[in-house]
Amino acid sequence: MASSLDVSWQLDGIPMEGTVVRPDGDGPFPAVVLVAGSGPTDRDWCSPLLPGSHGSGRLFAEAFARAGIASLRYDKRASGPHAIENITKLIGKVSMQSHLDELVAAVGLLAGLDFVDPARIVGLGNSEGTLHVLHYATSDQDVPFAGIVLAAPPGRPIQTVLLSQLALQAAQVPGGAGLMPKIEEAAARYTAGHPMNLDPSLPENVRMVLASFEAPANLPLARELWVESTGDSLTKVRIPALVLIGGRDVQIDARADGGPLQEAAAGMANVTFAFPPNANHVFKEDTRTPDEVAALPGNGYNAPETHLDPESLATILGWLERTVNLRTSPV
């Protein structure tokens, strides 16, 4: 049976915590470090903002262990059980660099485990987590990645992705179409470096999303995210990379995001793309319509009856086998 161990370490005087899963056997094993998405998403890919505790991060770690792959998944310092006490220490310090520092520390811990092969560590990020994996892979690190998996990476600027998501939300309420000019005007002010000055007539949930980009606790990361280009980073990757975007993803679009990324990676033999048709944003299998998804709190991502999309998992395991000489068994 695979074994699970909670671990902790310090980064800039703030505790970080994670979970290591070790497969059966002696090793040394290839390993994956799992990097969660945006906001307070924790090591299991669950969030206090979304109902449910059946997160894809934990499910991936368990599936990898069955295939002979060790893993580490960790809480960012502004997520998990210590988020409230940590956030006051992080105000004004949360940035792309601070997230990269967290990932560097996590990889260092993983590489130091006696049952892990440090030459066969892969970074797997989801959504915003793909950006941090890319930054690691395109910078000089003591423990280089053997490969990276980018699960639901934004192929458009974050501001464009956000506006498209808010347009979908607006379409669900009466008179929603009339809200978009007000949202776009606020976004334009932010892009120009000014306060958003949100119109008070906007729905509270929309105002909360937009206001989060101006919250002191989220700066300077929010402004860096606003103009981040995943495509530019992808062109700098020289190690094997797998890009996955699910056909049922209501946040990252296979065509609108996948298309620009494929264009950026044209001619790069080290980059592989996959578009599993029934995978949602967190790579659970989902055959519902977009309207049915939108009607559920938190899109139903972490409901207890959900499970990983079989095609996505098979694609990742097959790619890992080729990339890190994995000897996989059926899962």
Protein backbone atom coordinates (compact mmCIF):
# COMPACT_ATOMS: atom_id res chain seq x y z
CA MET A 1 0.00 0.00 0.00
CA ALA A 2 1.19 3.53 -0.76
CA SER A 3 1.94 5.63 2.30
CA SER A 4 1.09 9.28 2.91
CA LEU A 5 3.12 11.63 5.11
CA ASP A 6 2.43 15.23 6.07
CA VAL A 7 5.55 17.41 5.97
CA SER A 8 6.38 20.99 6.92
CA TRP A 9 9.20 23.48 6.38
CA GLN A 10 9.92 27.18 6.84
CA LEU A 11 10.10 29.82 4.12
CA ASP A 12 10.96 33.40 5.12
CA GLY A 13 9.82 32.68 8.66
CA ILE A 14 6.41 31.37 7.56
CA PRO A 15 5.55 27.68 7.88
CA MET A 16 4.63 25.73 4.76
CA GLU A 17 2.90 22.38 4.82
CA GLY A 18 2.33 19.61 2.34
CA THR A 19 1.71 15.91 1.84
CA VAL A 20 4.13 13.39 0.37
CA VAL A 21 2.77 10.15 -1.08
CA ARG A 22 5.22 7.28 -1.45
CA PRO A 23 4.46 4.30 -3.70
CA ASP A 24 5.06 0.70 -2.69
CA GLY A 25 8.62 -0.52 -3.14
CA ASP A 26 12.12 0.73 -2.49
CA GLY A 27 12.60 3.35 -5.19
CA PRO A 28 14.17 5.64 -6.05
CA PHE A 29 10.94 6.74 -7.70
CA PRO A 30 10.19 9.43 -10.22
CA ALA A 31 8.13 12.15 -8.59
CA VAL A 32 5.63 14.90 -9.33
CA VAL A 33 5.23 18.18 -7.47
CA LEU A 34 1.62 19.37 -7.76
CA VAL A 35 1.00 23.12 -7.87
CA ALA A 36 -2.56 24.28 -7.15
CA GLY A 37 -4.53 27.00 -8.90
CA SER A 38 -5.36 30.55 -7.86
CA GLY A 39 -6.57 32.08 -4.64
CA PRO A 40 -6.90 30.04 -1.46
CA THR A 41 -6.85 26.69 -3.30
CA ASP A 42 -5.07 24.21 -1.02
CA ARG A 43 -2.81 21.21 -1.56
CA ASP A 44 -5.77 18.96 -2.43
CA TRP A 45 -7.08 21.56 -4.93
CA CYS A 46 -9.97 22.46 -2.64
CA SER A 47 -10.97 25.99 -1.68
CA PRO A 48 -12.97 27.50 1.18
CA LEU A 49 -14.77 29.46 -1.54
CA LEU A 50 -16.08 26.26 -3.15
CA PRO A 51 -18.13 23.45 -1.60
CA GLY A 52 -16.71 19.94 -1.37
CA SER A 53 -13.46 18.33 -0.22
CA HIS A 54 -12.94 15.75 -2.98
CA GLY A 55 -10.10 17.63 -4.66
CA SER A 56 -8.26 16.58 -7.81
CA GLY A 57 -4.83 17.24 -6.28
CA ARG A 58 -5.27 14.40 -3.80
CA LEU A 59 -6.82 12.15 -6.45
CA PHE A 60 -3.87 12.72 -8.80
CA ALA A 61 -1.39 11.97 -6.00
CA GLU A 62 -3.15 8.70 -5.19
CA ALA A 63 -3.31 7.69 -8.87
CA PHE A 64 0.38 8.48 -9.36
CA ALA A 65 1.31 6.33 -6.34
CA ARG A 66 -0.54 3.37 -7.85
CA ALA A 67 1.60 3.84 -10.97
CA GLY A 68 4.88 3.97 -9.03
CA ILE A 69 5.27 7.76 -8.88
CA ALA A 70 5.94 9.67 -5.66
CA SER A 71 4.43 13.12 -5.20
CA LEU A 72 4.39 16.24 -3.08
CA ARG A 73 1.45 18.59 -2.98
CA TYR A 74 1.61 21.68 -0.79
CA ASP A 75 -0.41 24.56 0.60
CA LYS A 76 0.70 27.94 -0.63
CA ARG A 77 1.35 30.24 2.31
CA ALA A 78 -1.94 32.06 1.64
CA SER A 79 -3.92 28.83 1.55
CA GLY A 80 -4.57 25.85 3.79
CA PRO A 81 -5.19 25.79 7.55
CA HIS A 82 -2.78 28.64 8.36
CA ALA A 83 -3.89 31.07 5.66
CA ILE A 84 -5.52 33.55 8.06
CA GLU A 85 -2.49 33.87 10.32
CA ASN A 86 -0.06 33.97 7.39
CA ILE A 87 -1.84 36.52 5.25
CA THR A 88 -0.97 39.45 7.52
CA LYS A 89 2.72 38.59 7.09
CA LEU A 90 2.32 38.45 3.31
CA ILE A 91 0.52 41.73 2.63
CA GLY A 92 2.34 43.48 -0.19
CA LYS A 93 4.71 40.52 -0.62
CA VAL A 94 2.60 38.10 -2.68
CA SER A 95 4.13 38.07 -6.16
CA MET A 96 5.17 35.78 -8.97
CA GLN A 97 8.56 35.58 -7.25
CA SER A 98 7.04 34.61 -3.90
CA HIS A 99 5.09 31.80 -5.57
CA LEU A 100 8.26 30.67 -7.34
CA ASP A 101 10.09 30.71 -3.99
CA GLU A 102 7.40 28.40 -2.58
CA LEU A 103 7.80 25.99 -5.48
CA VAL A 104 11.60 26.03 -5.22
CA ALA A 105 11.37 25.15 -1.53
CA ALA A 106 8.86 22.36 -2.21
CA VAL A 107 11.04 20.82 -4.94
CA GLY A 108 14.07 21.01 -2.67
CA LEU A 109 12.26 19.06 0.02
CA LEU A 110 11.00 16.48 -2.50
CA ALA A 111 14.45 16.03 -4.06
CA GLY A 112 15.97 15.42 -0.61
CA LEU A 113 13.80 12.38 0.15
CA ASP A 114 15.81 9.17 -0.01
CA PHE A 115 13.16 7.33 -2.05
CA VAL A 116 12.92 10.04 -4.75
CA ASP A 117 15.12 10.27 -7.83
CA PRO A 118 15.94 14.00 -8.03
CA ALA A 119 16.74 13.69 -11.76
CA ARG A 120 13.17 12.55 -12.49
CA ILE A 121 10.99 15.23 -10.88
CA VAL A 122 8.14 16.66 -12.95
CA GLY A 123 6.17 19.83 -12.20
CA LEU A 124 2.39 19.65 -12.67
CA GLY A 125 0.43 22.88 -12.32
CA ASN A 126 -3.27 23.59 -12.64
CA SER A 127 -4.63 26.91 -13.94
CA GLU A 128 -2.60 29.70 -12.29
CA GLY A 129 -0.28 26.98 -11.00
CA THR A 130 0.87 26.41 -14.58
CA LEU A 131 2.43 29.88 -14.59
CA HIS A 132 4.56 29.09 -11.54
CA VAL A 133 5.63 25.76 -13.05
CA LEU A 134 6.62 27.60 -16.24
CA HIS A 135 8.63 30.18 -14.29
CA TYR A 136 10.50 27.36 -12.53
CA ALA A 137 11.17 25.49 -15.78
CA THR A 138 12.50 28.60 -17.55
CA SER A 139 14.86 29.72 -14.78
CA ASP A 140 18.11 28.30 -13.40
CA GLN A 141 17.36 25.96 -10.51
CA ASP A 142 19.47 23.61 -8.41
CA VAL A 143 17.00 20.80 -9.15
CA PRO A 144 15.86 21.13 -12.77
CA PHE A 145 12.53 19.60 -13.77
CA ALA A 146 12.68 16.55 -16.02
CA GLY A 147 9.43 17.75 -17.61
CA ILE A 148 6.30 19.75 -16.93
CA VAL A 149 2.56 19.20 -17.20
CA LEU A 150 0.46 22.32 -17.76
CA ALA A 151 -3.14 21.47 -16.87
CA ALA A 152 -5.56 24.20 -18.02
CA PRO A 153 -3.01 26.97 -18.73
CA PRO A 154 -4.41 30.34 -19.83
CA GLY A 155 -3.42 30.97 -23.43
CA ARG A 156 -4.82 34.50 -23.40
CA PRO A 157 -3.87 37.39 -21.10
CA ILE A 158 -5.44 36.89 -17.67
CA GLN A 159 -7.52 40.04 -18.12
CA THR A 160 -9.05 38.55 -21.28
CA VAL A 161 -9.79 35.22 -19.56
CA LEU A 162 -11.35 37.06 -16.61
CA LEU A 163 -13.58 39.20 -18.80
CA SER A 164 -14.80 36.14 -20.71
CA GLN A 165 -15.60 34.38 -17.43
CA LEU A 166 -17.48 37.43 -16.12
CA ALA A 167 -19.40 37.62 -19.39
CA LEU A 168 -20.57 34.04 -18.81
CA GLN A 169 -21.64 34.93 -15.27
CA ALA A 170 -23.41 38.07 -16.46
CA ALA A 171 -25.34 36.08 -19.03
CA GLN A 172 -26.95 34.09 -16.21
CA VAL A 173 -28.74 37.12 -14.70
CA PRO A 174 -31.51 39.34 -16.12
CA GLY A 175 -30.05 42.35 -17.90
CA GLY A 176 -26.58 40.84 -17.65
CA ALA A 177 -25.49 42.01 -21.09
CA GLY A 178 -25.77 45.60 -19.93
CA LEU A 179 -23.25 44.94 -17.17
CA MET A 180 -20.33 44.16 -19.46
CA PRO A 181 -19.59 47.76 -20.56
CA LYS A 182 -19.26 48.74 -16.89
CA ILE A 183 -16.98 45.76 -16.24
CA GLU A 184 -14.86 46.53 -19.30
CA GLU A 185 -14.52 50.18 -18.30
CA ALA A 186 -13.27 49.15 -14.85
CA ALA A 187 -10.81 46.71 -16.43
CA ALA A 188 -9.53 49.39 -18.79
CA ARG A 189 -8.87 51.74 -15.87
CA TYR A 190 -6.96 48.98 -14.07
CA THR A 191 -4.92 48.19 -17.18
CA ALA A 192 -3.94 51.86 -17.36
CA GLY A 193 -2.67 51.69 -13.78
CA HIS A 194 -5.64 53.48 -12.18
CA PRO A 195 -8.17 52.32 -9.56
CA MET A 196 -11.06 50.33 -11.02
CA ASN A 197 -13.71 52.56 -9.41
CA LEU A 198 -16.29 49.79 -9.65
CA ASP A 199 -19.84 50.79 -10.48
CA PRO A 200 -21.98 50.08 -7.36
CA SER A 201 -24.73 48.66 -9.59
CA LEU A 202 -22.59 45.65 -10.47
CA PRO A 203 -23.64 42.40 -8.74
CA GLU A 204 -21.80 41.73 -5.50
CA ASN A 205 -20.11 38.56 -6.77
CA VAL A 206 -18.73 40.43 -9.80
CA ARG A 207 -17.51 43.31 -7.64
CA MET A 208 -15.79 40.83 -5.29
CA VAL A 209 -13.90 39.18 -8.15
CA LEU A 210 -12.74 42.49 -9.62
CA ALA A 211 -11.96 44.02 -6.23
CA SER A 212 -9.68 41.08 -5.40
CA PHE A 213 -7.23 42.41 -8.00
CA GLU A 214 -6.86 45.60 -5.94
CA ALA A 215 -6.77 44.04 -2.48
CA PRO A 216 -3.45 44.86 -0.74
CA ALA A 217 -3.02 41.19 0.19
CA ASN A 218 -3.01 40.23 -3.50
CA LEU A 219 -0.52 42.85 -4.69
CA PRO A 220 1.81 42.90 -6.56
CA LEU A 221 0.79 39.45 -7.84
CA ALA A 222 -2.55 40.65 -9.20
CA ARG A 223 -0.98 43.29 -11.44
CA GLU A 224 1.67 40.82 -12.62
CA LEU A 225 -1.02 38.27 -13.43
CA TRP A 226 -3.04 40.85 -15.33
CA VAL A 227 -0.39 41.08 -18.06
CA GLU A 228 1.17 37.59 -17.82
CA SER A 229 1.74 35.83 -21.15
CA THR A 230 1.82 32.04 -20.92
CA GLY A 231 2.70 31.79 -24.60
CA ASP A 232 5.88 33.80 -24.17
CA SER A 233 7.00 31.53 -21.31
CA LEU A 234 6.13 28.37 -23.22
CA THR A 235 8.46 29.32 -26.09
CA LYS A 236 11.38 29.30 -23.61
CA VAL A 237 10.77 25.74 -22.39
CA ARG A 238 13.45 23.28 -23.47
CA ILE A 239 12.34 20.19 -21.54
CA PRO A 240 9.40 17.88 -22.38
CA ALA A 241 6.06 19.62 -21.75
CA LEU A 242 2.49 18.31 -21.85
CA VAL A 243 -0.30 20.87 -22.26
CA LEU A 244 -3.83 19.73 -21.41
CA ILE A 245 -7.08 21.67 -21.80
CA GLY A 246 -10.35 19.90 -21.16
CA GLY A 247 -13.27 20.05 -23.55
CA ARG A 248 -15.63 20.69 -20.61
CA ASP A 249 -13.54 23.46 -19.07
CA VAL A 250 -15.73 26.54 -18.56
CA GLN A 251 -12.76 28.72 -17.52
CA ILE A 252 -9.99 27.89 -20.00
CA ASP A 253 -11.14 27.29 -23.56
CA ALA A 254 -9.61 24.63 -25.81
CA ARG A 255 -9.84 26.91 -28.84
CA ALA A 256 -9.45 30.43 -27.42
CA ASP A 257 -6.59 29.44 -25.06
CA GLY A 258 -5.28 26.30 -26.72
CA GLY A 259 -5.02 27.92 -30.15
CA PRO A 260 -2.60 30.70 -29.15
CA LEU A 261 -0.50 28.22 -27.16
CA GLN A 262 -0.26 25.87 -30.13
CA GLU A 263 0.79 28.81 -32.30
CA ALA A 264 3.44 29.81 -29.75
CA ALA A 265 4.78 26.23 -29.62
CA ALA A 266 4.75 25.66 -33.38
CA GLY A 267 7.82 23.68 -34.37
CA MET A 268 8.68 22.77 -30.74
CA ALA A 269 9.02 18.97 -30.74
CA ASN A 270 9.30 18.92 -26.93
CA VAL A 271 5.73 20.25 -26.44
CA THR A 272 2.73 17.91 -26.66
CA PHE A 273 -0.91 19.01 -26.61
CA ALA A 274 -3.96 17.03 -25.53
CA PHE A 275 -7.62 18.09 -25.38
CA PRO A 276 -9.54 15.41 -23.47
CA PRO A 277 -13.18 16.04 -24.46
CA ASN A 278 -14.90 15.24 -21.15
CA ALA A 279 -12.43 16.88 -18.74
CA ASN A 280 -13.38 20.00 -16.79
CA HIS A 281 -11.09 22.67 -15.33
CA VAL A 282 -9.78 20.40 -12.56
CA PHE A 283 -9.70 17.33 -14.84
CA LYS A 284 -12.69 15.56 -13.43
CA GLU A 285 -14.88 13.73 -15.93
CA ASP A 286 -17.90 15.93 -16.70
CA THR A 287 -20.62 15.39 -19.28
CA ARG A 288 -22.93 18.20 -18.15
CA THR A 289 -23.81 21.19 -20.29
CA PRO A 290 -22.21 24.59 -19.47
CA ASP A 291 -25.57 25.80 -18.13
CA GLU A 292 -25.82 22.78 -15.83
CA VAL A 293 -22.29 23.41 -14.58
CA ALA A 294 -22.96 27.10 -13.94
CA ALA A 295 -26.09 26.26 -11.94
CA LEU A 296 -24.11 24.37 -9.28
CA PRO A 297 -22.22 26.10 -6.43
CA GLY A 298 -18.53 26.01 -7.27
CA ASN A 299 -19.38 24.27 -10.55
CA GLY A 300 -19.61 21.03 -8.57
CA TYR A 301 -15.85 20.52 -8.94
CA ASN A 302 -15.27 18.77 -5.62
CA ALA A 303 -18.54 16.95 -5.05
CA PRO A 304 -18.04 13.49 -3.49
CA GLU A 305 -19.34 11.62 -6.54
CA THR A 306 -16.81 13.21 -8.91
CA HIS A 307 -13.71 11.41 -10.22
CA LEU A 308 -10.69 12.11 -12.39
CA ASP A 309 -11.28 12.05 -16.11
CA PRO A 310 -9.94 8.64 -17.28
CA GLU A 311 -8.63 9.95 -20.61
CA SER A 312 -6.76 12.81 -18.93
CA LEU A 313 -5.17 10.48 -16.38
CA ALA A 314 -4.18 7.96 -19.05
CA THR A 315 -2.66 10.75 -21.16
CA ILE A 316 -0.60 12.08 -18.25
CA LEU A 317 0.59 8.62 -17.18
CA GLY A 318 1.53 7.68 -20.74
CA TRP A 319 3.46 10.92 -21.16
CA LEU A 320 5.22 10.38 -17.81
CA GLU A 321 6.21 6.88 -18.82
CA ARG A 322 7.91 8.23 -21.92
CA THR A 323 9.42 11.23 -20.14
CA VAL A 324 10.88 9.74 -16.95
CA ASN A 325 11.26 6.09 -17.97
CA LEU A 326 8.38 5.10 -15.76
CA ARG A 327 7.36 1.48 -15.45
CA THR A 328 3.63 1.96 -15.07
CA SER A 329 1.03 -0.60 -14.14
CA PRO A 330 -2.71 -0.37 -14.93
CA VAL A 331 -4.66 1.98 -12.65
